[in-house]
Every structure is written in C-alpha cells, then in structure tokens.
Amino acid sequence: QGTKIWAEKTKLMYPNGDSVYFPYTVKLVELYTPKDMIYYQMPTVASGSLLTTGGEVRIRAFKDGQELLLRPGNTWTIEMPNANPLADMKINYGVSVSNYINWVPNPNQSFNTTAYGYSGQISNLGWIGCGKLAVLSGTYTNYTFSSTTDNLDNVATFMYYHDLKSLMQVYNQTSGNAPIGDSVKIVMMGINSSNEIYYYYQETSVSSSLNHLNITLAPISDAAMTAILDSL
C-alpha cells in the first residue's frame, strides 16, 4: 500500500548480538484504513487516550526463522504514504498488553511531513504507529453495551471517530473514554455457529445521557459488511 523501508543489513543483529548475513527476510503488515484496523483488531489508543492516526505498520526481520533486532543506537528509515500529512505526528511503538496492543510514543522521535506523506527513523522493529493525541482537553463518558436478544461476549465492538481519525475497541461491553460532543460510528460484528455474519451499526454524537445501548444484532452479507467498513 505504499510503505517504504530502507532495510540496512549492517544495522541488524541476532538477539545475542551476532551479525546478520544475506539473505534475510523482511515482513510487513500495512494498516492505513479503519476497515483494515478493525479487521486486524488494532485500535489507535495509547494508555487510554485516543490517537489521531496516519497509519499503522508492523515491520519485522527474520533469518532462518529467527526474529532479528535493530542494533542499539541504530535506526531504519521508513516512509508512510499520506496525501494530506499532519504536523507533529509521533513515532509510536506497539507494546503487547494482555490481549491487545498499547501504543507508546517515543517523545524524542517524530515523523517529518514530506511530499510523499510521513518519513521517520525507527529504532525498534515491530508495530509502528504514526499518531498524536486526538483530544488535548475535554469531557468524557464511557459507553456500555448490553442485549436481551444476543450474547455479546464474542462480538467485536469498535468506535470510530471519523473527524479525529481515531479507532477505539470496546472490551467487556464497556468503552474507554469517549470525548463528549464528537461524532462516532459504532460497529459491532459477530459470527454465529453457522458462520453467518451479524452486525450492529450506528452513527451518533457522543453524549453522557445516551451512553448505554441495548443491542439487537441483525444478519448481513459479507459484501454489505465490507461496504459499511469501507464507508467509515
């Protein structure tokens, strides 16, 4: 999807510090749309705070099945495509916490805007996020979800803030901090024992007085579900 990586062998090492010789393999995952982030279950949240995102990528290097590291003090250059790049976007690293990835910004590393999009120097391989805090101040509420007709335990629930370019995933039927007054698109997806897709979709404005939703899921085709996600 347009990610550029300047993969320099001399900057790689095995976990024990040994040098790496050709050939080696670079693996890349690109998530630039809310649809792809939803399908990969990769929200743009840093320690509970929404991030405005310019994309998420996962960059890893392997040699003979062994995952490689960047040598301390070394970086690879990456570029991420964006027709309208924003200023002050930080380099965020994805850290695994329980069953999700938490984004941790490096305060000393930022993306530069270019004619291509974003350019940055990454000091670690793995999940890399281009983003900055979506809301600097404001009031928040938490959404809760329940249903008298459906079991929501295995239903994936997301809240996409289009104006903020930020995606939140809901765990255990209770959302994180939702900024009051911002528009949000709520998407829920599940599959029954017959592999049929069920969903719920609502576009609304975040409100502290309308923050509990009693859900009834409805059947939907794969093509129609994809169309909804493409429209986000």
Protein backbone atom coordinates (compact mmCIF):
# COMPACT_ATOMS: atom_id res chain seq x y z
CA GLN A 1 0.00 0.00 0.00
CA GLY A 2 2.99 2.28 -0.39
CA THR A 3 5.11 1.82 2.75
CA LYS A 4 8.81 2.35 2.03
CA ILE A 5 11.51 0.72 4.17
CA TRP A 6 15.24 1.36 3.99
CA ALA A 7 16.29 -2.07 5.32
CA GLU A 8 20.00 -1.94 6.13
CA LYS A 9 21.61 -5.27 6.97
CA THR A 10 24.52 -3.82 8.93
CA LYS A 11 22.08 -2.37 11.45
CA LEU A 12 20.53 -5.76 12.22
CA MET A 13 21.66 -8.33 14.77
CA TYR A 14 20.60 -11.62 16.28
CA PRO A 15 19.25 -11.40 19.85
CA ASN A 16 22.73 -12.46 21.09
CA GLY A 17 24.39 -9.61 19.17
CA ASP A 18 25.79 -11.65 16.27
CA SER A 19 25.92 -10.07 12.81
CA VAL A 20 23.42 -10.94 10.08
CA TYR A 21 24.37 -12.05 6.57
CA PHE A 22 22.36 -12.23 3.36
CA PRO A 23 19.77 -13.43 2.66
CA TYR A 24 17.27 -12.35 5.29
CA THR A 25 13.52 -11.71 5.14
CA VAL A 26 11.56 -8.55 5.93
CA LYS A 27 7.86 -8.98 6.75
CA LEU A 28 5.39 -6.11 6.55
CA VAL A 29 1.78 -5.54 7.64
CA GLU A 30 0.10 -2.30 6.50
CA LEU A 31 -3.00 -0.83 8.18
CA TYR A 32 -3.99 2.52 6.69
CA THR A 33 -7.80 2.42 6.75
CA PRO A 34 -10.24 1.99 9.65
CA LYS A 35 -11.52 -1.15 7.90
CA ASP A 36 -8.10 -2.79 7.97
CA MET A 37 -7.50 -1.71 11.58
CA ILE A 38 -10.87 -3.21 12.56
CA TYR A 39 -10.21 -6.50 10.75
CA TYR A 40 -6.78 -6.70 12.40
CA GLN A 41 -8.21 -5.51 15.75
CA MET A 42 -5.60 -2.77 16.05
CA PRO A 43 -7.19 0.35 17.62
CA THR A 44 -5.33 3.65 17.88
CA VAL A 45 -5.28 4.12 21.65
CA ALA A 46 -2.28 4.97 23.85
CA SER A 47 -2.80 4.17 27.55
CA GLY A 48 -6.49 5.02 27.26
CA SER A 49 -6.05 8.16 25.13
CA LEU A 50 -7.26 8.32 21.53
CA LEU A 51 -4.63 8.94 18.88
CA THR A 52 -5.19 10.63 15.54
CA THR A 53 -3.59 8.12 13.21
CA GLY A 54 -1.67 8.34 9.97
CA GLY A 55 -1.42 4.56 9.76
CA GLU A 56 -0.01 1.50 11.50
CA VAL A 57 2.61 -0.89 10.16
CA ARG A 58 4.34 -3.97 11.51
CA ILE A 59 7.91 -4.40 10.31
CA ARG A 60 9.93 -7.47 11.28
CA ALA A 61 13.12 -9.10 10.01
CA PHE A 62 13.97 -12.81 10.10
CA LYS A 63 16.94 -15.03 9.33
CA ASP A 64 16.48 -18.82 9.25
CA GLY A 65 13.30 -18.46 11.32
CA GLN A 66 14.97 -16.31 13.98
CA GLU A 67 13.49 -12.85 14.55
CA LEU A 68 16.14 -10.13 14.32
CA LEU A 69 16.63 -6.85 16.19
CA LEU A 70 17.99 -3.43 15.34
CA ARG A 71 21.36 -2.77 16.95
CA PRO A 72 21.17 -0.27 19.85
CA GLY A 73 21.58 3.28 18.59
CA ASN A 74 20.70 2.32 15.00
CA THR A 75 17.57 3.14 13.00
CA TRP A 76 15.83 2.21 9.78
CA THR A 77 14.14 4.91 7.73
CA ILE A 78 10.50 4.34 6.80
CA GLU A 79 8.00 6.35 4.79
CA MET A 80 4.23 6.07 5.10
CA PRO A 81 2.03 7.42 2.30
CA ASN A 82 -0.48 10.18 3.01
CA ALA A 83 -1.93 12.78 0.65
CA ASN A 84 -2.57 15.25 3.50
CA PRO A 85 0.00 14.62 6.25
CA LEU A 86 -0.45 16.32 9.61
CA ALA A 87 2.23 18.07 11.62
CA ASP A 88 3.62 16.84 14.96
CA MET A 89 2.91 13.16 14.39
CA LYS A 90 4.92 10.99 16.78
CA ILE A 91 6.54 7.61 16.26
CA ASN A 92 4.59 5.21 18.49
CA TYR A 93 5.65 1.66 19.28
CA GLY A 94 3.14 -1.11 19.88
CA VAL A 95 3.59 -2.92 23.18
CA SER A 96 1.66 -6.13 23.87
CA VAL A 97 -0.54 -5.84 26.98
CA SER A 98 -2.75 -8.83 27.78
CA ASN A 99 -4.89 -9.33 24.65
CA TYR A 100 -4.23 -6.01 22.89
CA ILE A 101 -1.52 -3.66 21.67
CA ASN A 102 -0.93 -0.43 23.58
CA TRP A 103 0.71 2.44 21.71
CA VAL A 104 3.66 4.05 23.48
CA PRO A 105 5.07 7.25 21.94
CA ASN A 106 8.78 7.94 21.91
CA PRO A 107 8.96 11.60 22.98
CA ASN A 108 12.22 12.05 21.07
CA GLN A 109 11.04 10.56 17.78
CA SER A 110 8.64 12.22 15.35
CA PHE A 111 7.60 11.83 11.74
CA ASN A 112 8.52 14.54 9.26
CA THR A 113 5.96 15.53 6.65
CA THR A 114 7.05 15.12 3.04
CA ALA A 115 5.50 15.30 -0.41
CA TYR A 116 5.00 11.53 -0.07
CA GLY A 117 3.47 11.56 3.41
CA TYR A 118 5.45 10.79 6.57
CA SER A 119 9.13 9.98 6.99
CA GLY A 120 10.68 8.75 10.23
CA GLN A 121 13.62 6.94 11.83
CA ILE A 122 12.52 3.86 13.78
CA SER A 123 14.78 2.45 16.48
CA ASN A 124 12.79 -0.75 17.07
CA LEU A 125 11.17 -3.28 14.78
CA GLY A 126 7.62 -4.46 15.39
CA TRP A 127 4.41 -2.41 15.46
CA ILE A 128 4.97 1.21 14.41
CA GLY A 129 2.19 3.80 14.63
CA CYS A 130 2.09 7.28 13.17
CA GLY A 131 -0.07 9.37 15.51
CA LYS A 132 -0.61 12.10 18.06
CA LEU A 133 -3.13 12.77 20.83
CA ALA A 134 -6.54 13.27 19.25
CA VAL A 135 -8.03 15.27 22.14
CA LEU A 136 -5.93 17.60 24.29
CA SER A 137 -8.71 18.57 26.70
CA GLY A 138 -12.42 17.96 27.13
CA THR A 139 -15.01 15.91 28.96
CA TYR A 140 -15.57 12.20 28.51
CA THR A 141 -18.07 9.44 29.07
CA ASN A 142 -18.00 5.66 28.87
CA TYR A 143 -20.38 3.68 26.69
CA THR A 144 -21.86 0.39 27.86
CA PHE A 145 -23.44 -2.26 25.66
CA SER A 146 -25.97 -4.93 26.51
CA SER A 147 -28.52 -7.10 24.71
CA THR A 148 -31.67 -9.00 25.62
CA THR A 149 -31.50 -10.99 22.36
CA ASP A 150 -27.82 -11.74 21.69
CA ASN A 151 -24.72 -12.91 23.54
CA LEU A 152 -22.17 -10.12 23.08
CA ASP A 153 -19.21 -11.93 24.66
CA ASN A 154 -17.60 -12.81 21.32
CA VAL A 155 -18.85 -9.80 19.36
CA ALA A 156 -16.14 -7.38 18.20
CA THR A 157 -17.14 -3.80 19.03
CA PHE A 158 -15.41 -0.67 17.70
CA MET A 159 -16.00 3.06 17.93
CA TYR A 160 -14.54 5.06 15.03
CA TYR A 161 -14.17 8.83 15.41
CA HIS A 162 -14.08 10.00 11.80
CA ASP A 163 -13.21 13.64 12.48
CA LEU A 164 -10.43 12.61 14.88
CA LYS A 165 -9.21 9.77 12.63
CA SER A 166 -9.13 7.53 15.67
CA LEU A 167 -10.33 3.99 16.42
CA MET A 168 -11.30 2.57 19.81
CA GLN A 169 -12.05 -1.07 20.54
CA VAL A 170 -14.56 -1.93 23.28
CA TYR A 171 -13.69 -4.71 25.73
CA ASN A 172 -16.14 -6.42 28.10
CA GLN A 173 -19.03 -4.24 26.84
CA THR A 174 -17.61 -1.02 28.32
CA SER A 175 -15.77 1.56 26.24
CA GLY A 176 -12.78 3.65 27.15
CA ASN A 177 -13.01 7.42 27.44
CA ALA A 178 -15.29 8.74 24.67
CA PRO A 179 -14.98 12.52 24.08
CA ILE A 180 -18.39 14.15 24.55
CA GLY A 181 -19.64 16.02 21.52
CA ASP A 182 -17.53 14.20 18.94
CA SER A 183 -19.23 12.17 16.23
CA VAL A 184 -18.68 8.43 16.43
CA LYS A 185 -19.53 5.43 14.26
CA ILE A 186 -20.23 2.30 16.31
CA VAL A 187 -19.61 -1.01 14.56
CA MET A 188 -20.28 -4.45 16.03
CA MET A 189 -19.63 -7.77 14.27
CA GLY A 190 -20.09 -11.39 15.20
CA ILE A 191 -20.38 -14.81 13.56
CA ASN A 192 -22.83 -17.48 14.69
CA SER A 193 -22.30 -21.25 14.72
CA SER A 194 -23.41 -21.43 11.08
CA ASN A 195 -20.73 -18.90 10.02
CA GLU A 196 -23.35 -16.24 9.34
CA ILE A 197 -22.33 -12.64 9.98
CA TYR A 198 -24.38 -10.48 12.35
CA TYR A 199 -23.83 -6.78 12.94
CA TYR A 200 -24.92 -3.53 14.52
CA TYR A 201 -24.08 -0.09 13.16
CA GLN A 202 -24.94 3.39 14.40
CA GLU A 203 -23.58 6.85 13.74
CA THR A 204 -24.18 9.27 16.60
CA SER A 205 -22.74 12.10 18.66
CA VAL A 206 -21.11 11.13 21.94
CA SER A 207 -23.44 12.00 24.81
CA SER A 208 -23.30 11.28 28.52
CA SER A 209 -27.09 10.90 28.60
CA LEU A 210 -27.27 8.37 25.74
CA ASN A 211 -24.26 6.26 26.55
CA HIS A 212 -25.96 2.92 27.17
CA LEU A 213 -27.01 0.93 24.12
CA ASN A 214 -29.29 -2.11 24.20
CA ILE A 215 -28.22 -4.01 21.10
CA THR A 216 -30.05 -6.33 18.73
CA LEU A 217 -27.78 -7.79 16.09
CA ALA A 218 -29.04 -8.28 12.54
CA PRO A 219 -27.82 -10.61 9.77
CA ILE A 220 -25.71 -9.12 6.99
CA SER A 221 -23.78 -10.36 3.98
CA ASP A 222 -20.00 -10.20 3.83
CA ALA A 223 -20.18 -7.76 0.91
CA ALA A 224 -22.58 -5.45 2.76
CA MET A 225 -20.43 -5.56 5.90
CA THR A 226 -17.36 -4.69 3.84
CA ALA A 227 -19.24 -1.75 2.28
CA ILE A 228 -20.03 -0.36 5.74
CA LEU A 229 -16.39 -0.60 6.81
CA ASP A 230 -15.24 1.00 3.55
CA SER A 231 -17.56 3.93 4.23
CA LEU A 232 -16.04 4.76 7.61
